C-alpha atoms as a PDB file:
ATOM      1  CA  MET A   1       0.000   0.000   0.000  1.00  0.00           C
ATOM      2  CA  ILE A   2       1.320   3.404  -0.966  1.00  0.00           C
ATOM      3  CA  SER A   3       2.058   5.610   2.016  1.00  0.00           C
ATOM      4  CA  VAL A   4       0.440   9.005   2.488  1.00  0.00           C
ATOM      5  CA  ARG A   5       3.810  10.665   1.963  1.00  0.00           C
ATOM      6  CA  ALA A   6       4.287   8.887  -1.370  1.00  0.00           C
ATOM      7  CA  ARG A   7       0.785   9.800  -2.508  1.00  0.00           C
ATOM      8  CA  LEU A   8       1.323  13.449  -1.641  1.00  0.00           C
ATOM      9  CA  THR A   9       4.629  13.396  -3.513  1.00  0.00           C
ATOM     10  CA  LEU A  10       2.966  11.887  -6.588  1.00  0.00           C
ATOM     11  CA  LEU A  11       0.266  14.547  -6.380  1.00  0.00           C
ATOM     12  CA  TYR A  12       2.867  17.335  -6.228  1.00  0.00           C
ATOM     13  CA  VAL A  13       4.768  15.847  -9.188  1.00  0.00           C
ATOM     14  CA  ALA A  14       1.588  15.386 -11.239  1.00  0.00           C
ATOM     15  CA  LEU A  15       0.499  18.981 -10.684  1.00  0.00           C
ATOM     16  CA  PHE A  16       3.961  20.267 -11.534  1.00  0.00           C
ATOM     17  CA  ALA A  17       4.154  18.084 -14.649  1.00  0.00           C
ATOM     18  CA  VAL A  18       0.754  19.275 -15.889  1.00  0.00           C
ATOM     19  CA  CYS A  19       1.607  22.932 -15.305  1.00  0.00           C
ATOM     20  CA  GLY A  20       5.017  22.489 -16.952  1.00  0.00           C
ATOM     21  CA  ALA A  21       3.478  20.748 -19.955  1.00  0.00           C
ATOM     22  CA  VAL A  22       1.000  23.591 -20.343  1.00  0.00           C
ATOM     23  CA  VAL A  23       3.824  26.151 -20.290  1.00  0.00           C
ATOM     24  CA  VAL A  24       5.848  24.202 -22.880  1.00  0.00           C
ATOM     25  CA  THR A  25       2.814  23.772 -25.127  1.00  0.00           C
ATOM     26  CA  VAL A  26       1.862  27.438 -24.969  1.00  0.00           C
ATOM     27  CA  SER A  27       5.442  28.558 -25.619  1.00  0.00           C
ATOM     28  CA  TYR A  28       5.797  26.220 -28.587  1.00  0.00           C
ATOM     29  CA  GLY A  29       2.447  27.310 -29.984  1.00  0.00           C
ATOM     30  CA  LEU A  30       3.302  30.992 -29.710  1.00  0.00           C
ATOM     31  CA  VAL A  31       6.614  30.541 -31.503  1.00  0.00           C
ATOM     32  CA  ALA A  32       5.119  28.257 -34.146  1.00  0.00           C
ATOM     33  CA  GLY A  33       2.303  30.725 -34.733  1.00  0.00           C
ATOM     34  CA  LEU A  34       4.596  33.519 -35.821  1.00  0.00           C
ATOM     35  CA  PRO A  35       3.935  34.498 -39.479  1.00  0.00           C
ATOM     36  CA  GLU A  36       6.413  32.998 -41.931  1.00  0.00           C
ATOM     37  CA  ALA A  37       6.788  36.378 -43.620  1.00  0.00           C
ATOM     38  CA  SER A  38       8.427  37.710 -40.551  1.00  0.00           C
ATOM     39  CA  ALA A  39      11.065  34.991 -40.821  1.00  0.00           C
ATOM     40  CA  GLU A  40      11.636  35.778 -44.478  1.00  0.00           C
ATOM     41  CA  ARG A  41      11.929  39.483 -43.761  1.00  0.00           C
ATOM     42  CA  SER A  42      14.418  38.767 -41.014  1.00  0.00           C
ATOM     43  CA  VAL A  43      16.812  37.270 -43.630  1.00  0.00           C
ATOM     44  CA  ARG A  44      15.889  39.500 -46.579  1.00  0.00           C
ATOM     45  CA  PRO A  45      19.045  39.959 -48.704  1.00  0.00           C
ATOM     46  CA  ALA A  46      20.692  43.314 -49.118  1.00  0.00           C
ATOM     47  CA  ALA A  47      20.991  44.908 -52.582  1.00  0.00           C
ATOM     48  CA  HIS A  48      24.758  44.398 -52.791  1.00  0.00           C
ATOM     49  CA  GLU A  49      24.383  40.706 -51.932  1.00  0.00           C
ATOM     50  CA  ILE A  50      22.002  40.252 -54.919  1.00  0.00           C
ATOM     51  CA  ASP A  51      24.421  42.139 -57.221  1.00  0.00           C
ATOM     52  CA  MET A  52      27.310  39.948 -56.099  1.00  0.00           C
ATOM     53  CA  PHE A  53      25.279  36.807 -56.713  1.00  0.00           C
ATOM     54  CA  LEU A  54      24.220  38.046 -60.178  1.00  0.00           C
ATOM     55  CA  ALA A  55      27.803  38.964 -60.975  1.00  0.00           C
ATOM     56  CA  ARG A  56      28.928  35.432 -60.195  1.00  0.00           C
ATOM     57  CA  CYS A  57      26.125  34.080 -62.369  1.00  0.00           C
ATOM     58  CA  GLN A  58      27.198  36.333 -65.245  1.00  0.00           C
ATOM     59  CA  ASP A  59      30.826  35.320 -64.883  1.00  0.00           C
ATOM     60  CA  GLN A  60      29.874  31.660 -65.004  1.00  0.00           C
ATOM     61  CA  HIS A  61      27.544  31.893 -68.013  1.00  0.00           C
ATOM     62  CA  TYR A  62      29.073  34.831 -69.852  1.00  0.00           C
ATOM     63  CA  THR A  63      25.745  36.464 -70.547  1.00  0.00           C
ATOM     64  CA  ALA A  64      23.819  39.497 -69.488  1.00  0.00           C
ATOM     65  CA  ASP A  65      20.465  38.111 -70.535  1.00  0.00           C
ATOM     66  CA  GLN A  66      17.705  39.719 -68.446  1.00  0.00           C
ATOM     67  CA  THR A  67      15.784  36.434 -68.324  1.00  0.00           C
ATOM     68  CA  PHE A  68      18.784  34.705 -66.849  1.00  0.00           C
ATOM     69  CA  LYS A  69      19.178  37.528 -64.341  1.00  0.00           C
ATOM     70  CA  HIS A  70      15.567  37.125 -63.340  1.00  0.00           C
ATOM     71  CA  LYS A  71      15.997  33.379 -62.897  1.00  0.00           C
ATOM     72  CA  CYS A  72      19.109  33.947 -60.798  1.00  0.00           C
ATOM     73  CA  ASP A  73      17.317  36.481 -58.674  1.00  0.00           C
ATOM     74  CA  GLN A  74      14.328  34.158 -58.245  1.00  0.00           C
ATOM     75  CA  SER A  75      16.547  31.194 -57.434  1.00  0.00           C
ATOM     76  CA  TYR A  76      18.420  33.241 -54.890  1.00  0.00           C
ATOM     77  CA  ARG A  77      15.250  34.374 -53.197  1.00  0.00           C
ATOM     78  CA  GLU A  78      13.843  30.840 -53.151  1.00  0.00           C
ATOM     79  CA  GLY A  79      17.025  29.649 -51.508  1.00  0.00           C
ATOM     80  CA  LEU A  80      16.693  32.322 -48.873  1.00  0.00           C
ATOM     81  CA  ALA A  81      13.074  31.321 -48.256  1.00  0.00           C
ATOM     82  CA  ASP A  82      14.032  27.648 -47.958  1.00  0.00           C
ATOM     83  CA  GLY A  83      16.834  28.580 -45.587  1.00  0.00           C
ATOM     84  CA  ALA A  84      14.485  30.662 -43.474  1.00  0.00           C
ATOM     85  CA  GLN A  85      11.970  27.796 -43.362  1.00  0.00           C
ATOM     86  CA  ASN A  86      14.677  25.314 -42.384  1.00  0.00           C
ATOM     87  CA  GLN A  87      15.958  27.690 -39.726  1.00  0.00           C
ATOM     88  CA  ARG A  88      12.415  28.141 -38.442  1.00  0.00           C
ATOM     89  CA  GLN A  89      11.872  24.389 -38.190  1.00  0.00           C
ATOM     90  CA  PHE A  90      15.262  23.915 -36.548  1.00  0.00           C
ATOM     91  CA  THR A  91      14.375  26.575 -33.993  1.00  0.00           C
ATOM     92  CA  LEU A  92      11.024  24.918 -33.200  1.00  0.00           C
ATOM     93  CA  ASP A  93      12.613  21.480 -32.913  1.00  0.00           C
ATOM     94  CA  SER A  94      15.331  22.811 -30.617  1.00  0.00           C
ATOM     95  CA  LEU A  95      12.779  24.673 -28.531  1.00  0.00           C
ATOM     96  CA  LEU A  96      10.686  21.520 -28.111  1.00  0.00           C
ATOM     97  CA  GLN A  97      13.692  19.334 -27.363  1.00  0.00           C
ATOM     98  CA  TYR A  98      15.295  21.578 -24.756  1.00  0.00           C
ATOM     99  CA  SER A  99      11.951  22.466 -23.180  1.00  0.00           C
ATOM    100  CA  THR A 100      11.097  18.786 -22.812  1.00  0.00           C
ATOM    101  CA  LEU A 101      14.492  17.957 -21.298  1.00  0.00           C
ATOM    102  CA  THR A 102      14.221  20.904 -18.927  1.00  0.00           C
ATOM    103  CA  LEU A 103      10.720  19.847 -17.914  1.00  0.00           C
ATOM    104  CA  LEU A 104      11.867  16.283 -17.217  1.00  0.00           C
ATOM    105  CA  ALA A 105      14.774  17.533 -15.095  1.00  0.00           C
ATOM    106  CA  ALA A 106      12.435  19.872 -13.235  1.00  0.00           C
ATOM    107  CA  ILE A 107       9.996  16.992 -12.609  1.00  0.00           C
ATOM    108  CA  VAL A 108      12.793  14.935 -11.046  1.00  0.00           C
ATOM    109  CA  LEU A 109      13.747  17.874  -8.819  1.00  0.00           C
ATOM    110  CA  SER A 110      10.106  18.472  -7.931  1.00  0.00           C
ATOM    111  CA  ALA A 111       9.770  14.822  -6.905  1.00  0.00           C
ATOM    112  CA  ALA A 112      12.702  15.186  -4.502  1.00  0.00           C
ATOM    113  CA  ALA A 113      11.398  18.502  -3.163  1.00  0.00           C
ATOM    114  CA  GLY A 114       7.869  17.105  -2.893  1.00  0.00           C
ATOM    115  CA  TRP A 115       9.126  14.125  -0.893  1.00  0.00           C
ATOM    116  CA  LEU A 116      10.896  16.422   1.563  1.00  0.00           C
ATOM    117  CA  LEU A 117       7.967  18.848   1.840  1.00  0.00           C
ATOM    118  CA  ALA A 118       5.458  16.029   2.273  1.00  0.00           C
ATOM    119  CA  GLY A 119       7.557  14.570   5.061  1.00  0.00           C
ATOM    120  CA  ARG A 120       7.788  17.920   6.809  1.00  0.00           C
ATOM    121  CA  ALA A 121       4.063  18.583   6.387  1.00  0.00           C
ATOM    122  CA  LEU A 122       3.083  15.134   7.651  1.00  0.00           C
ATOM    123  CA  ARG A 123       5.470  15.102  10.607  1.00  0.00           C
ATOM    124  CA  PRO A 124       3.023  16.888  12.959  1.00  0.00           C
ATOM    125  CA  VAL A 125       0.126  14.762  11.658  1.00  0.00           C
ATOM    126  CA  GLU A 126       2.068  11.519  12.183  1.00  0.00           C
ATOM    127  CA  ALA A 127       3.095  12.706  15.639  1.00  0.00           C
ATOM    128  CA  ALA A 128      -0.527  13.557  16.479  1.00  0.00           C
ATOM    129  CA  HIS A 129      -1.656  10.164  15.209  1.00  0.00           C
ATOM    130  CA  ALA A 130       0.939   8.393  17.357  1.00  0.00           C
ATOM    131  CA  ALA A 131      -0.057  10.509  20.364  1.00  0.00           C
ATOM    132  CA  GLN A 132      -3.719   9.667  19.778  1.00  0.00           C
ATOM    133  CA  ARG A 133      -2.936   5.964  19.639  1.00  0.00           C
ATOM    134  CA  ARG A 134      -0.983   6.211  22.886  1.00  0.00           C
ATOM    135  CA  PHE A 135      -3.858   8.143  24.461  1.00  0.00           C
ATOM    136  CA  VAL A 136      -6.444   5.526  23.459  1.00  0.00           C
ATOM    137  CA  SER A 137      -4.206   2.722  24.684  1.00  0.00           C
ATOM    138  CA  ASN A 138      -3.514   4.436  28.010  1.00  0.00           C
ATOM    139  CA  ALA A 139      -7.168   5.380  28.492  1.00  0.00           C
ATOM    140  CA  ALA A 140      -8.237   1.791  27.860  1.00  0.00           C
ATOM    141  CA  HIS A 141      -5.691   0.586  30.398  1.00  0.00           C
ATOM    142  CA  GLU A 142      -6.776   3.137  32.994  1.00  0.00           C
ATOM    143  CA  LEU A 143     -10.437   2.227  32.530  1.00  0.00           C
ATOM    144  CA  ARG A 144      -9.737  -1.499  32.603  1.00  0.00           C
ATOM    145  CA  THR A 145      -7.877  -1.285  35.926  1.00  0.00           C
ATOM    146  CA  PRO A 146     -10.870  -0.354  38.156  1.00  0.00           C
ATOM    147  CA  LEU A 147     -13.043  -2.893  36.371  1.00  0.00           C
ATOM    148  CA  THR A 148     -10.467  -5.568  37.100  1.00  0.00           C
ATOM    149  CA  VAL A 149     -10.316  -4.563  40.772  1.00  0.00           C
ATOM    150  CA  MET A 150     -14.103  -4.662  41.098  1.00  0.00           C
ATOM    151  CA  ARG A 151     -14.371  -8.015  39.390  1.00  0.00           C
ATOM    152  CA  THR A 152     -11.666  -9.474  41.625  1.00  0.00           C
ATOM    153  CA  ALA A 153     -13.367  -8.153  44.776  1.00  0.00           C
ATOM    154  CA  VAL A 154     -16.724  -9.558  43.713  1.00  0.00           C
ATOM    155  CA  ASP A 155     -15.318 -12.912  42.583  1.00  0.00           C
ATOM    156  CA  VAL A 156     -13.433 -13.412  45.865  1.00  0.00           C
ATOM    157  CA  VAL A 157     -16.571 -12.913  47.939  1.00  0.00           C
ATOM    158  CA  LEU A 158     -18.905 -14.873  45.660  1.00  0.00           C
ATOM    159  CA  ALA A 159     -16.478 -17.780  45.555  1.00  0.00           C
ATOM    160  CA  LYS A 160     -17.269 -18.452  49.212  1.00  0.00           C
ATOM    161  CA  SER A 161     -20.228 -20.687  49.937  1.00  0.00           C
ATOM    162  CA  ALA A 162     -21.566 -18.482  52.715  1.00  0.00           C
ATOM    163  CA  PRO A 163     -19.948 -15.027  52.787  1.00  0.00           C
ATOM    164  CA  THR A 164     -20.443 -13.137  56.013  1.00  0.00           C
ATOM    165  CA  ASN A 165     -22.046  -9.748  56.299  1.00  0.00           C
ATOM    166  CA  ALA A 166     -18.662  -8.241  57.091  1.00  0.00           C
ATOM    167  CA  GLU A 167     -17.185  -9.696  53.876  1.00  0.00           C
ATOM    168  CA  LEU A 168     -20.098  -8.420  51.833  1.00  0.00           C
ATOM    169  CA  THR A 169     -19.831  -5.006  53.450  1.00  0.00           C
ATOM    170  CA  GLY A 170     -16.087  -4.895  52.812  1.00  0.00           C
ATOM    171  CA  MET A 171     -16.649  -5.837  49.187  1.00  0.00           C
ATOM    172  CA  GLY A 172     -19.227  -3.065  48.877  1.00  0.00           C
ATOM    173  CA  HIS A 173     -16.869  -0.468  50.306  1.00  0.00           C
ATOM    174  CA  GLU A 174     -14.065  -1.621  48.030  1.00  0.00           C
ATOM    175  CA  VAL A 175     -16.288  -1.513  44.956  1.00  0.00           C
ATOM    176  CA  ALA A 176     -17.603   1.925  45.958  1.00  0.00           C
ATOM    177  CA  ALA A 177     -14.059   3.258  46.281  1.00  0.00           C
ATOM    178  CA  VAL A 178     -13.096   1.875  42.881  1.00  0.00           C
ATOM    179  CA  VAL A 179     -16.261   3.294  41.322  1.00  0.00           C
ATOM    180  CA  GLN A 180     -15.384   6.698  42.735  1.00  0.00           C
ATOM    181  CA  GLN A 181     -11.915   6.378  41.239  1.00  0.00           C
ATOM    182  CA  ALA A 182     -13.411   5.438  37.869  1.00  0.00           C
ATOM    183  CA  GLU A 183     -15.789   8.389  38.044  1.00  0.00           C
ATOM    184  CA  GLY A 184     -12.841  10.698  38.637  1.00  0.00           C
ATOM    185  CA  LEU A 185     -11.087   9.241  35.600  1.00  0.00           C
ATOM    186  CA  ILE A 186     -14.156   9.649  33.395  1.00  0.00           C
ATOM    187  CA  ASP A 187     -14.662  13.206  34.655  1.00  0.00           C
ATOM    188  CA  GLY A 188     -11.050  13.998  33.773  1.00  0.00           C
ATOM    189  CA  LEU A 189     -11.445  12.531  30.282  1.00  0.00           C
ATOM    190  CA  LEU A 190     -14.626  14.536  29.688  1.00  0.00           C
ATOM    191  CA  THR A 191     -12.931  17.703  30.903  1.00  0.00           C
ATOM    192  CA  LEU A 192      -9.990  17.030  28.610  1.00  0.00           C
ATOM    193  CA  ALA A 193     -12.392  16.624  25.671  1.00  0.00           C
ATOM    194  CA  ARG A 194     -14.343  19.798  26.528  1.00  0.00           C
ATOM    195  CA  ALA A 195     -11.118  21.755  26.824  1.00  0.00           C
ATOM    196  CA  GLU A 196     -10.461  21.229  23.107  1.00  0.00           C
ATOM    197  CA  ARG A 197     -13.436  23.404  22.137  1.00  0.00           C
ATOM    198  CA  PRO A 198     -12.968  27.165  21.639  1.00  0.00           C
ATOM    199  CA  PRO A 199     -13.744  28.845  24.976  1.00  0.00           C
ATOM    200  CA  THR A 200     -16.216  31.623  25.600  1.00  0.00           C
ATOM    201  CA  ARG A 201     -14.548  34.990  26.117  1.00  0.00           C
ATOM    202  CA  GLN A 202     -15.413  36.926  29.257  1.00  0.00           C
ATOM    203  CA  GLU A 203     -13.537  39.391  31.371  1.00  0.00           C
ATOM    204  CA  VAL A 204     -11.836  37.542  34.201  1.00  0.00           C
ATOM    205  CA  ASP A 205      -9.099  38.216  36.716  1.00  0.00           C
ATOM    206  CA  LEU A 206      -6.779  35.306  37.464  1.00  0.00           C
ATOM    207  CA  ALA A 207      -6.260  36.738  40.958  1.00  0.00           C
ATOM    208  CA  THR A 208      -9.977  36.385  41.726  1.00  0.00           C
ATOM    209  CA  VAL A 209     -10.080  32.897  40.269  1.00  0.00           C
ATOM    210  CA  ALA A 210      -7.038  31.843  42.296  1.00  0.00           C
ATOM    211  CA  GLU A 211      -8.511  33.324  45.469  1.00  0.00           C
ATOM    212  CA  ASP A 212     -11.750  31.363  44.990  1.00  0.00           C
ATOM    213  CA  VAL A 213      -9.795  28.139  44.515  1.00  0.00           C
ATOM    214  CA  ILE A 214      -7.553  28.738  47.530  1.00  0.00           C
ATOM    215  CA  ASP A 215     -10.608  29.328  49.718  1.00  0.00           C
ATOM    216  CA  THR A 216     -11.791  25.774  49.008  1.00  0.00           C
ATOM    217  CA  VAL A 217      -8.586  23.957  50.039  1.00  0.00           C
ATOM    218  CA  ASP A 218      -8.089  22.588  53.526  1.00  0.00           C
ATOM    219  CA  ARG A 219      -4.517  23.672  54.062  1.00  0.00           C
ATOM    220  CA  SER A 220      -2.590  26.920  54.061  1.00  0.00           C
ATOM    221  CA  VAL A 221      -1.209  28.308  50.813  1.00  0.00           C
ATOM    222  CA  HIS A 222       1.261  31.156  50.454  1.00  0.00           C
ATOM    223  CA  ALA A 223      -0.628  33.492  48.137  1.00  0.00           C
ATOM    224  CA  ARG A 224       0.518  36.723  46.560  1.00  0.00           C
ATOM    225  CA  LEU A 225      -2.305  37.709  44.267  1.00  0.00           C
ATOM    226  CA  GLY A 226      -1.761  40.788  42.154  1.00  0.00           C
ATOM    227  CA  PRO A 227      -4.210  41.953  39.462  1.00  0.00           C
ATOM    228  CA  ALA A 228      -4.064  39.738  36.382  1.00  0.00           C
ATOM    229  CA  PRO A 229      -6.908  40.761  34.048  1.00  0.00           C
ATOM    230  CA  ALA A 230      -7.529  38.541  31.045  1.00  0.00           C
ATOM    231  CA  ALA A 231     -10.307  37.210  28.819  1.00  0.00           C
ATOM    232  CA  GLY A 232     -11.461  33.618  28.811  1.00  0.00           C
ATOM    233  CA  ASP A 233     -13.888  31.012  30.064  1.00  0.00           C
ATOM    234  CA  PRO A 234     -14.200  31.489  33.862  1.00  0.00           C
ATOM    235  CA  VAL A 235     -15.207  27.858  34.448  1.00  0.00           C
ATOM    236  CA  MET A 236     -12.322  26.396  32.450  1.00  0.00           C
ATOM    237  CA  LEU A 237      -9.810  28.829  33.943  1.00  0.00           C
ATOM    238  CA  GLU A 238     -11.015  27.919  37.430  1.00  0.00           C
ATOM    239  CA  ARG A 239     -10.500  24.254  36.549  1.00  0.00           C
ATOM    240  CA  LEU A 240      -6.993  25.087  35.369  1.00  0.00           C
ATOM    241  CA  VAL A 241      -6.107  26.853  38.631  1.00  0.00           C
ATOM    242  CA  ALA A 242      -7.721  24.105  40.696  1.00  0.00           C
ATOM    243  CA  ASN A 243      -5.739  21.424  38.883  1.00  0.00           C
ATOM    244  CA  LEU A 244      -2.475  23.274  39.459  1.00  0.00           C
ATOM    245  CA  VAL A 245      -3.158  23.823  43.144  1.00  0.00           C
ATOM    246  CA  ASP A 246      -4.373  20.247  43.631  1.00  0.00           C
ATOM    247  CA  ASN A 247      -1.332  18.933  41.784  1.00  0.00           C
ATOM    248  CA  ALA A 248       0.984  21.022  44.000  1.00  0.00           C
ATOM    249  CA  MET A 249      -0.676  19.674  47.170  1.00  0.00           C
ATOM    250  CA  ARG A 250      -1.045  16.082  46.049  1.00  0.00           C
ATOM    251  CA  TYR A 251       2.576  15.645  44.968  1.00  0.00           C
ATOM    252  CA  ASN A 252       4.256  17.362  47.907  1.00  0.00           C
ATOM    253  CA  VAL A 253       6.365  16.179  50.790  1.00  0.00           C
ATOM    254  CA  PRO A 254       4.780  15.947  54.255  1.00  0.00           C
ATOM    255  CA  GLY A 255       4.546  19.432  55.697  1.00  0.00           C
ATOM    256  CA  GLY A 256       5.629  20.957  52.393  1.00  0.00           C
ATOM    257  CA  GLU A 257       4.778  24.424  51.155  1.00  0.00           C
ATOM    258  CA  VAL A 258       2.660  25.665  48.246  1.00  0.00           C
ATOM    259  CA  TRP A 259       2.958  29.099  46.633  1.00  0.00           C
ATOM    260  CA  VAL A 260       0.417  30.761  44.339  1.00  0.00           C
ATOM    261  CA  GLU A 261       1.170  34.069  42.648  1.00  0.00           C
ATOM    262  CA  THR A 262      -0.653  36.157  40.039  1.00  0.00           C
ATOM    263  CA  SER A 263       0.595  39.242  38.239  1.00  0.00           C
ATOM    264  CA  CYS A 264       0.475  41.123  34.950  1.00  0.00           C
ATOM    265  CA  ARG A 265       3.681  41.664  33.004  1.00  0.00           C
ATOM    266  CA  ASP A 266       4.570  42.472  29.379  1.00  0.00           C
ATOM    267  CA  GLY A 267       0.944  42.409  28.287  1.00  0.00           C
ATOM    268  CA  ARG A 268       0.294  38.979  29.805  1.00  0.00           C
ATOM    269  CA  ALA A 269      -1.622  37.781  32.834  1.00  0.00           C
ATOM    270  CA  LEU A 270       0.560  35.350  34.770  1.00  0.00           C
ATOM    271  CA  LEU A 271      -0.264  32.603  37.251  1.00  0.00           C
ATOM    272  CA  THR A 272       2.521  30.730  39.033  1.00  0.00           C
ATOM    273  CA  VAL A 273       2.032  27.693  41.288  1.00  0.00           C
ATOM    274  CA  ALA A 274       4.996  26.049  43.008  1.00  0.00           C
ATOM    275  CA  ASN A 275       5.544  23.472  45.742  1.00  0.00           C
ATOM    276  CA  THR A 276       8.298  21.812  47.776  1.00  0.00           C
ATOM    277  CA  GLY A 277       7.830  18.297  46.496  1.00  0.00           C
ATOM    278  CA  PRO A 278      10.451  15.650  45.865  1.00  0.00           C
ATOM    279  CA  VAL A 279      13.414  16.345  43.583  1.00  0.00           C
ATOM    280  CA  ILE A 280      12.411  15.917  39.923  1.00  0.00           C
ATOM    281  CA  ASP A 281      14.644  15.114  36.980  1.00  0.00           C
ATOM    282  CA  PRO A 282      14.421  18.186  34.664  1.00  0.00           C
ATOM    283  CA  SER A 283      14.396  15.954  31.573  1.00  0.00           C
ATOM    284  CA  SER A 284      11.114  14.357  32.696  1.00  0.00           C
ATOM    285  CA  VAL A 285       9.268  17.643  33.253  1.00  0.00           C
ATOM    286  CA  PRO A 286       8.004  18.277  29.660  1.00  0.00           C
ATOM    287  CA  GLY A 287       6.349  14.850  29.564  1.00  0.00           C
ATOM    288  CA  LEU A 288       4.196  15.665  32.589  1.00  0.00           C
ATOM    289  CA  PHE A 289       1.798  17.577  30.314  1.00  0.00           C
ATOM    290  CA  GLU A 290       1.003  14.411  28.358  1.00  0.00           C
ATOM    291  CA  PRO A 291      -2.111  12.438  29.384  1.00  0.00           C
ATOM    292  CA  PHE A 292      -1.560   9.613  31.878  1.00  0.00           C
ATOM    293  CA  ARG A 293       2.082  10.575  32.355  1.00  0.00           C
ATOM    294  CA  ARG A 294       3.338  10.166  35.899  1.00  0.00           C
ATOM    295  CA  LEU A 295       6.734  10.285  37.528  1.00  0.00           C
ATOM    296  CA  VAL A 296       8.169   7.077  38.924  1.00  0.00           C
ATOM    297  CA  ASP A 297       7.644   8.176  42.519  1.00  0.00           C
ATOM    298  CA  ARG A 298       4.034   9.146  41.808  1.00  0.00           C
ATOM    299  CA  THR A 299       2.736   5.751  40.745  1.00  0.00           C
ATOM    300  CA  SER A 300       1.400   4.993  44.214  1.00  0.00           C
ATOM    301  CA  THR A 301      -0.901   8.003  44.266  1.00  0.00           C
ATOM    302  CA  GLN A 302      -4.560   7.984  43.296  1.00  0.00           C
ATOM    303  CA  GLY A 303      -4.110  10.453  40.461  1.00  0.00           C
ATOM    304  CA  HIS A 304      -4.675   9.476  36.845  1.00  0.00           C
ATOM    305  CA  GLY A 305      -2.042  11.661  35.218  1.00  0.00           C
ATOM    306  CA  LEU A 306      -4.618  13.977  33.629  1.00  0.00           C
ATOM    307  CA  GLY A 307      -4.264  17.098  35.779  1.00  0.00           C
ATOM    308  CA  LEU A 308      -1.447  18.805  33.901  1.00  0.00           C
ATOM    309  CA  ALA A 309      -2.724  17.464  30.556  1.00  0.00           C
ATOM    310  CA  ILE A 310      -6.009  19.281  31.189  1.00  0.00           C
ATOM    311  CA  VAL A 311      -4.064  22.411  32.155  1.00  0.00           C
ATOM    312  CA  ALA A 312      -2.090  22.280  28.895  1.00  0.00           C
ATOM    313  CA  GLN A 313      -5.269  21.768  26.840  1.00  0.00           C
ATOM    314  CA  ILE A 314      -7.099  24.667  28.499  1.00  0.00           C
ATOM    315  CA  ALA A 315      -4.049  26.910  28.010  1.00  0.00           C
ATOM    316  CA  ALA A 316      -3.851  26.014  24.315  1.00  0.00           C
ATOM    317  CA  ALA A 317      -7.580  26.638  23.820  1.00  0.00           C
ATOM    318  CA  HIS A 318      -7.163  30.121  25.351  1.00  0.00           C
ATOM    319  CA  GLU A 319      -4.141  30.864  23.137  1.00  0.00           C
ATOM    320  CA  GLY A 320      -2.006  30.918  26.244  1.00  0.00           C
ATOM    321  CA  ALA A 321       1.096  29.014  27.274  1.00  0.00           C
ATOM    322  CA  VAL A 322       2.020  26.852  30.232  1.00  0.00           C
ATOM    323  CA  THR A 323       5.551  25.921  31.222  1.00  0.00           C
ATOM    324  CA  ALA A 324       7.036  23.940  34.083  1.00  0.00           C
ATOM    325  CA  GLU A 325      10.463  23.685  35.634  1.00  0.00           C
ATOM    326  CA  ALA A 326      11.906  21.524  38.363  1.00  0.00           C
ATOM    327  CA  ARG A 327      12.910  23.470  41.485  1.00  0.00           C
ATOM    328  CA  PRO A 328      16.532  22.855  42.585  1.00  0.00           C
ATOM    329  CA  ASP A 329      15.426  22.103  46.162  1.00  0.00           C
ATOM    330  CA  GLY A 330      12.635  19.795  45.012  1.00  0.00           C
ATOM    331  CA  GLY A 331       9.143  20.281  43.708  1.00  0.00           C
ATOM    332  CA  LEU A 332       7.740  21.837  40.589  1.00  0.00           C
ATOM    333  CA  LYS A 333       7.065  25.381  39.431  1.00  0.00           C
ATOM    334  CA  VAL A 334       4.341  25.817  36.806  1.00  0.00           C
ATOM    335  CA  THR A 335       3.672  29.148  35.067  1.00  0.00           C
ATOM    336  CA  PHE A 336       0.538  29.887  33.061  1.00  0.00           C
ATOM    337  CA  ALA A 337       0.572  32.941  30.772  1.00  0.00           C
ATOM    338  CA  LEU A 338      -2.532  34.380  29.123  1.00  0.00           C
ATOM    339  CA  PRO A 339      -2.816  37.476  26.909  1.00  0.00           C
ATOM    340  CA  SER A 340      -3.903  40.333  29.135  1.00  0.00           C
ATOM    341  CA  ARG A 341      -7.365  41.826  28.677  1.00  0.00           C
END
């Protein structure tokens, strides 16, 4: 099966070949359509050339007969016309030959250029396709895990001939906990899907949004909230701030600190969330914004690896940018920038 890159290359070459053939055909037709008289006039003999030719004729035949002069003059002019016609045909043949060779060489070059351009154009598409396949595979795995846990819990209890009330109650609590975990995963997936849609634009202050989120947490946060006016979807921006704050608290060391700061600088509204978590390898930080991506020391947590992915998607939908960097003393610092209102 021909690859997409090869098909695009063939399409480029075909279009170039058709356009080149049209140019060659039009050029040849224009040159061939020139009146023959113009070619004859372009080689019309001068008067002294005719006299010299007649003189040679007279010297060869030793006569000054006017009829013979007329025949010589006519023969000379016919020769010039035949020469002009031959020159015209030679010019057309050369034009066609060199134009065809040039077109063939250009087609070969266009094939090479088309192959390179097709590869460059398809690179983001192929990367997106691979990312989508990884996402579907990871999502299926994440959804299969709670189902497996529930089935195991149910099968263990039902395998007993006479399960006690305590065993049935324990199974119920375990299934309820797993169902809650699955609901959180589904809610995260739905939020990630909704974040892809263009947001509604309303006036919003990131400082107010951050303050509302901080008021809902059950631990102290070091907040320095300066005005940060912007335009965006208040609900989605609140989800972004909540995910950052929750991520900073969830992946922190016992008794660690969390900082939240908002400001406006260089025409952008800025939100920064940092914590004193464990030391993170800087090379692993960019991958944290991919769905279901966790650090090695975070596998034991109850998170699904969607928090920062949702943040990145909301930022992209708002034409903003989100960056993260590992703190030298441990933890993560995430900065969200949005065009100021």
